Amino acid sequence: MRTITHIVVHHTGSDSSTVERIRRVHKAKGWSDIGYHAVIYADGSVHDGRAKGVPGAHVRGFNRSTLAAAMVGDLNRHPPTEAQLKAAIWLCASWARKAGIDAGKVVGHRETKGLVPRAMATKKSCPGTCVDMYLFRSGVTEQLRVIGGGGLG
């Protein structure tokens, strides 16, 4: 079983994305499956992507020890829906609790620059400029208090 050290939050960049469409695009790139472990639709529904035990394909140089959640939408143009944001926070808190990590280890794709080799650093704004990752992590911290567990230090 692999050790999870971080959870990475993404957006799909398209309001019409579905798990099936993302899977087709990622497989067309030569990947074995969809790169994300879960996809959160605008209605707040959470859909399984890649199996949790299998490293994702979502942050070059940082897949082995991470789980990835992607919110559907172009979150550079508009914020996630309230239902989507709540579901994403709940999902990340649930994963963090199971992995024994705190909310500080929940990062946006754009925040991985210091966690990967410089040559692999992203130039993306993912999970979108309309997502405040400080507020997102505060929500994860609150949810961890509700569900218990996780490294709350």
C-alpha atoms as a PDB file:
ATOM      1  CA  MET A   1       0.000   0.000   0.000  1.00  0.00           C
ATOM      2  CA  ARG A   2       1.354   3.438  -0.863  1.00  0.00           C
ATOM      3  CA  THR A   3       1.776   6.280   1.613  1.00  0.00           C
ATOM      4  CA  ILE A   4      -0.179   9.449   0.876  1.00  0.00           C
ATOM      5  CA  THR A   5       1.599  12.669   1.864  1.00  0.00           C
ATOM      6  CA  HIS A   6      -0.527  15.245  -0.001  1.00  0.00           C
ATOM      7  CA  ILE A   7      -3.888  15.746  -1.650  1.00  0.00           C
ATOM      8  CA  VAL A   8      -3.907  17.863  -4.801  1.00  0.00           C
ATOM      9  CA  VAL A   9      -6.951  19.854  -5.918  1.00  0.00           C
ATOM     10  CA  HIS A  10      -7.549  20.549  -9.621  1.00  0.00           C
ATOM     11  CA  HIS A  11     -10.196  21.922 -11.951  1.00  0.00           C
ATOM     12  CA  THR A  12     -11.033  20.469 -15.347  1.00  0.00           C
ATOM     13  CA  GLY A  13     -10.979  23.768 -17.230  1.00  0.00           C
ATOM     14  CA  SER A  14     -14.310  22.940 -18.890  1.00  0.00           C
ATOM     15  CA  ASP A  15     -17.847  23.182 -17.576  1.00  0.00           C
ATOM     16  CA  SER A  16     -18.921  20.213 -19.698  1.00  0.00           C
ATOM     17  CA  SER A  17     -16.364  17.704 -18.418  1.00  0.00           C
ATOM     18  CA  THR A  18     -17.478  14.281 -17.249  1.00  0.00           C
ATOM     19  CA  VAL A  19     -15.456  11.390 -15.882  1.00  0.00           C
ATOM     20  CA  GLU A  20     -15.919   9.558 -19.178  1.00  0.00           C
ATOM     21  CA  ARG A  21     -14.756  12.527 -21.286  1.00  0.00           C
ATOM     22  CA  ILE A  22     -11.733  13.166 -19.067  1.00  0.00           C
ATOM     23  CA  ARG A  23     -10.844   9.467 -19.177  1.00  0.00           C
ATOM     24  CA  ARG A  24     -10.955   9.485 -23.003  1.00  0.00           C
ATOM     25  CA  VAL A  25      -8.732  12.585 -23.195  1.00  0.00           C
ATOM     26  CA  HIS A  26      -6.223  11.189 -20.698  1.00  0.00           C
ATOM     27  CA  LYS A  27      -6.104   7.777 -22.410  1.00  0.00           C
ATOM     28  CA  ALA A  28      -5.552   9.541 -25.747  1.00  0.00           C
ATOM     29  CA  LYS A  29      -2.409  11.025 -24.140  1.00  0.00           C
ATOM     30  CA  GLY A  30      -1.204   7.469 -23.572  1.00  0.00           C
ATOM     31  CA  TRP A  31      -2.084   7.326 -19.875  1.00  0.00           C
ATOM     32  CA  SER A  32      -3.514   4.088 -18.504  1.00  0.00           C
ATOM     33  CA  ASP A  33      -6.622   5.784 -17.075  1.00  0.00           C
ATOM     34  CA  ILE A  34      -8.060   9.101 -15.941  1.00  0.00           C
ATOM     35  CA  GLY A  35      -5.411  11.026 -14.011  1.00  0.00           C
ATOM     36  CA  TYR A  36      -7.634  12.007 -11.046  1.00  0.00           C
ATOM     37  CA  HIS A  37      -8.879   9.776  -8.249  1.00  0.00           C
ATOM     38  CA  ALA A  38     -12.199  11.635  -8.021  1.00  0.00           C
ATOM     39  CA  VAL A  39     -14.142  14.205 -10.005  1.00  0.00           C
ATOM     40  CA  ILE A  40     -16.668  16.550  -8.368  1.00  0.00           C
ATOM     41  CA  TYR A  41     -19.522  17.782 -10.546  1.00  0.00           C
ATOM     42  CA  ALA A  42     -21.231  21.170 -10.118  1.00  0.00           C
ATOM     43  CA  ASP A  43     -24.180  19.511  -8.335  1.00  0.00           C
ATOM     44  CA  GLY A  44     -21.799  18.293  -5.618  1.00  0.00           C
ATOM     45  CA  SER A  45     -21.827  14.662  -6.694  1.00  0.00           C
ATOM     46  CA  VAL A  46     -18.492  12.877  -6.330  1.00  0.00           C
ATOM     47  CA  HIS A  47     -17.505  10.408  -9.037  1.00  0.00           C
ATOM     48  CA  ASP A  48     -14.739   7.832  -8.846  1.00  0.00           C
ATOM     49  CA  GLY A  49     -11.834   8.208 -11.210  1.00  0.00           C
ATOM     50  CA  ARG A  50      -8.622   6.214 -10.964  1.00  0.00           C
ATOM     51  CA  ALA A  51      -8.442   3.587  -8.199  1.00  0.00           C
ATOM     52  CA  LYS A  52      -7.144   5.127  -4.931  1.00  0.00           C
ATOM     53  CA  GLY A  53      -4.380   2.528  -4.628  1.00  0.00           C
ATOM     54  CA  VAL A  54      -2.898   3.467  -7.995  1.00  0.00           C
ATOM     55  CA  PRO A  55      -0.744   6.596  -8.403  1.00  0.00           C
ATOM     56  CA  GLY A  56      -2.500   9.280 -10.408  1.00  0.00           C
ATOM     57  CA  ALA A  57      -1.347  11.218 -13.439  1.00  0.00           C
ATOM     58  CA  HIS A  58      -2.018  14.798 -12.424  1.00  0.00           C
ATOM     59  CA  VAL A  59       1.178  16.540 -11.230  1.00  0.00           C
ATOM     60  CA  ARG A  60       4.342  15.613 -13.087  1.00  0.00           C
ATOM     61  CA  GLY A  61       6.916  14.393 -10.578  1.00  0.00           C
ATOM     62  CA  PHE A  62       4.416  14.229  -7.683  1.00  0.00           C
ATOM     63  CA  ASN A  63       1.990  11.386  -8.341  1.00  0.00           C
ATOM     64  CA  ARG A  64       3.279   8.491  -6.241  1.00  0.00           C
ATOM     65  CA  SER A  65       2.384   9.944  -2.833  1.00  0.00           C
ATOM     66  CA  THR A  66      -0.705  11.978  -3.701  1.00  0.00           C
ATOM     67  CA  LEU A  67      -4.422  11.681  -4.281  1.00  0.00           C
ATOM     68  CA  ALA A  68      -6.088  13.988  -6.803  1.00  0.00           C
ATOM     69  CA  ALA A  69      -9.549  15.524  -6.852  1.00  0.00           C
ATOM     70  CA  ALA A  70     -10.769  17.637  -9.771  1.00  0.00           C
ATOM     71  CA  MET A  71     -13.733  19.991  -9.710  1.00  0.00           C
ATOM     72  CA  VAL A  72     -15.549  20.239 -13.028  1.00  0.00           C
ATOM     73  CA  GLY A  73     -15.472  23.717 -14.511  1.00  0.00           C
ATOM     74  CA  ASP A  74     -13.263  26.536 -15.630  1.00  0.00           C
ATOM     75  CA  LEU A  75     -12.588  27.918 -12.170  1.00  0.00           C
ATOM     76  CA  ASN A  76     -10.495  30.724 -13.642  1.00  0.00           C
ATOM     77  CA  ARG A  77     -13.766  32.150 -15.014  1.00  0.00           C
ATOM     78  CA  HIS A  78     -16.166  31.382 -12.159  1.00  0.00           C
ATOM     79  CA  PRO A  79     -16.012  29.924  -8.646  1.00  0.00           C
ATOM     80  CA  PRO A  80     -17.123  26.388  -7.892  1.00  0.00           C
ATOM     81  CA  THR A  81     -20.758  25.996  -6.908  1.00  0.00           C
ATOM     82  CA  GLU A  82     -21.496  25.893  -3.196  1.00  0.00           C
ATOM     83  CA  ALA A  83     -22.434  22.202  -3.458  1.00  0.00           C
ATOM     84  CA  GLN A  84     -19.244  21.446  -5.387  1.00  0.00           C
ATOM     85  CA  LEU A  85     -17.043  23.292  -2.917  1.00  0.00           C
ATOM     86  CA  LYS A  86     -18.659  21.563   0.082  1.00  0.00           C
ATOM     87  CA  ALA A  87     -18.253  18.156  -1.563  1.00  0.00           C
ATOM     88  CA  ALA A  88     -14.607  18.829  -2.476  1.00  0.00           C
ATOM     89  CA  ILE A  89     -13.812  19.942   1.066  1.00  0.00           C
ATOM     90  CA  TRP A  90     -15.581  16.923   2.552  1.00  0.00           C
ATOM     91  CA  LEU A  91     -13.766  14.547   0.165  1.00  0.00           C
ATOM     92  CA  CYS A  92     -10.342  16.054   0.890  1.00  0.00           C
ATOM     93  CA  ALA A  93     -11.003  15.930   4.643  1.00  0.00           C
ATOM     94  CA  SER A  94     -12.088  12.305   4.391  1.00  0.00           C
ATOM     95  CA  TRP A  95      -8.956  11.384   2.444  1.00  0.00           C
ATOM     96  CA  ALA A  96      -6.755  13.412   4.816  1.00  0.00           C
ATOM     97  CA  ARG A  97      -8.261  11.644   7.829  1.00  0.00           C
ATOM     98  CA  LYS A  98      -7.616   8.210   6.280  1.00  0.00           C
ATOM     99  CA  ALA A  99      -4.045   9.206   5.334  1.00  0.00           C
ATOM    100  CA  GLY A 100      -3.350  10.780   8.739  1.00  0.00           C
ATOM    101  CA  ILE A 101      -2.375  14.137   7.263  1.00  0.00           C
ATOM    102  CA  ASP A 102      -3.533  17.647   8.157  1.00  0.00           C
ATOM    103  CA  ALA A 103      -5.196  20.279   6.003  1.00  0.00           C
ATOM    104  CA  GLY A 104      -1.828  21.907   5.308  1.00  0.00           C
ATOM    105  CA  LYS A 105      -1.056  18.948   3.034  1.00  0.00           C
ATOM    106  CA  VAL A 106      -4.075  19.728   0.832  1.00  0.00           C
ATOM    107  CA  VAL A 107      -2.718  21.850  -2.007  1.00  0.00           C
ATOM    108  CA  GLY A 108      -3.851  23.295  -5.282  1.00  0.00           C
ATOM    109  CA  HIS A 109      -1.984  22.107  -8.355  1.00  0.00           C
ATOM    110  CA  ARG A 110      -0.520  25.622  -8.668  1.00  0.00           C
ATOM    111  CA  GLU A 111       0.968  25.243  -5.170  1.00  0.00           C
ATOM    112  CA  THR A 112       3.061  22.179  -6.049  1.00  0.00           C
ATOM    113  CA  LYS A 113       5.925  24.242  -7.492  1.00  0.00           C
ATOM    114  CA  GLY A 114       8.060  23.814  -4.382  1.00  0.00           C
ATOM    115  CA  LEU A 115       7.196  20.120  -4.068  1.00  0.00           C
ATOM    116  CA  VAL A 116       8.479  18.935  -7.449  1.00  0.00           C
ATOM    117  CA  PRO A 117      11.799  19.391  -9.255  1.00  0.00           C
ATOM    118  CA  ARG A 118      11.994  22.897 -10.713  1.00  0.00           C
ATOM    119  CA  ALA A 119      12.000  21.623 -14.292  1.00  0.00           C
ATOM    120  CA  MET A 120       8.655  19.911 -13.628  1.00  0.00           C
ATOM    121  CA  ALA A 121       6.941  22.876 -11.946  1.00  0.00           C
ATOM    122  CA  THR A 122       3.566  23.822 -13.364  1.00  0.00           C
ATOM    123  CA  LYS A 123       2.733  27.203 -14.809  1.00  0.00           C
ATOM    124  CA  LYS A 124      -0.987  26.504 -14.390  1.00  0.00           C
ATOM    125  CA  SER A 125      -3.321  28.408 -12.061  1.00  0.00           C
ATOM    126  CA  CYS A 126      -5.137  25.160 -11.243  1.00  0.00           C
ATOM    127  CA  PRO A 127      -7.518  24.719  -9.399  1.00  0.00           C
ATOM    128  CA  GLY A 128      -8.405  28.116 -10.807  1.00  0.00           C
ATOM    129  CA  THR A 129      -7.995  31.718  -9.768  1.00  0.00           C
ATOM    130  CA  CYS A 130     -11.520  31.692  -8.293  1.00  0.00           C
ATOM    131  CA  VAL A 131     -10.501  29.082  -5.696  1.00  0.00           C
ATOM    132  CA  ASP A 132      -8.891  30.472  -2.553  1.00  0.00           C
ATOM    133  CA  MET A 133      -6.804  27.578  -1.274  1.00  0.00           C
ATOM    134  CA  TYR A 134      -6.359  29.191   2.168  1.00  0.00           C
ATOM    135  CA  LEU A 135     -10.138  29.224   2.640  1.00  0.00           C
ATOM    136  CA  PHE A 136     -10.353  25.730   1.149  1.00  0.00           C
ATOM    137  CA  ARG A 137      -7.832  24.416   3.700  1.00  0.00           C
ATOM    138  CA  SER A 138      -9.744  26.184   6.498  1.00  0.00           C
ATOM    139  CA  GLY A 139     -12.816  24.275   5.376  1.00  0.00           C
ATOM    140  CA  VAL A 140     -10.862  21.016   5.392  1.00  0.00           C
ATOM    141  CA  THR A 141      -9.629  21.776   8.930  1.00  0.00           C
ATOM    142  CA  GLU A 142     -13.206  22.406  10.093  1.00  0.00           C
ATOM    143  CA  GLN A 143     -14.434  19.222   8.416  1.00  0.00           C
ATOM    144  CA  LEU A 144     -11.631  17.224  10.052  1.00  0.00           C
ATOM    145  CA  ARG A 145     -12.855  18.502  13.428  1.00  0.00           C
ATOM    146  CA  VAL A 146     -16.365  17.314  12.572  1.00  0.00           C
ATOM    147  CA  ILE A 147     -15.390  13.862  11.317  1.00  0.00           C
ATOM    148  CA  GLY A 148     -12.469  13.474  13.732  1.00  0.00           C
ATOM    149  CA  GLY A 149      -9.024  12.134  13.107  1.00  0.00           C
ATOM    150  CA  GLY A 150      -6.345  13.379  10.776  1.00  0.00           C
ATOM    151  CA  GLY A 151      -3.287  15.269  11.851  1.00  0.00           C
ATOM    152  CA  LEU A 152      -4.820  18.432  13.190  1.00  0.00           C
ATOM    153  CA  GLY A 153      -1.505  19.834  14.359  1.00  0.00           C
END
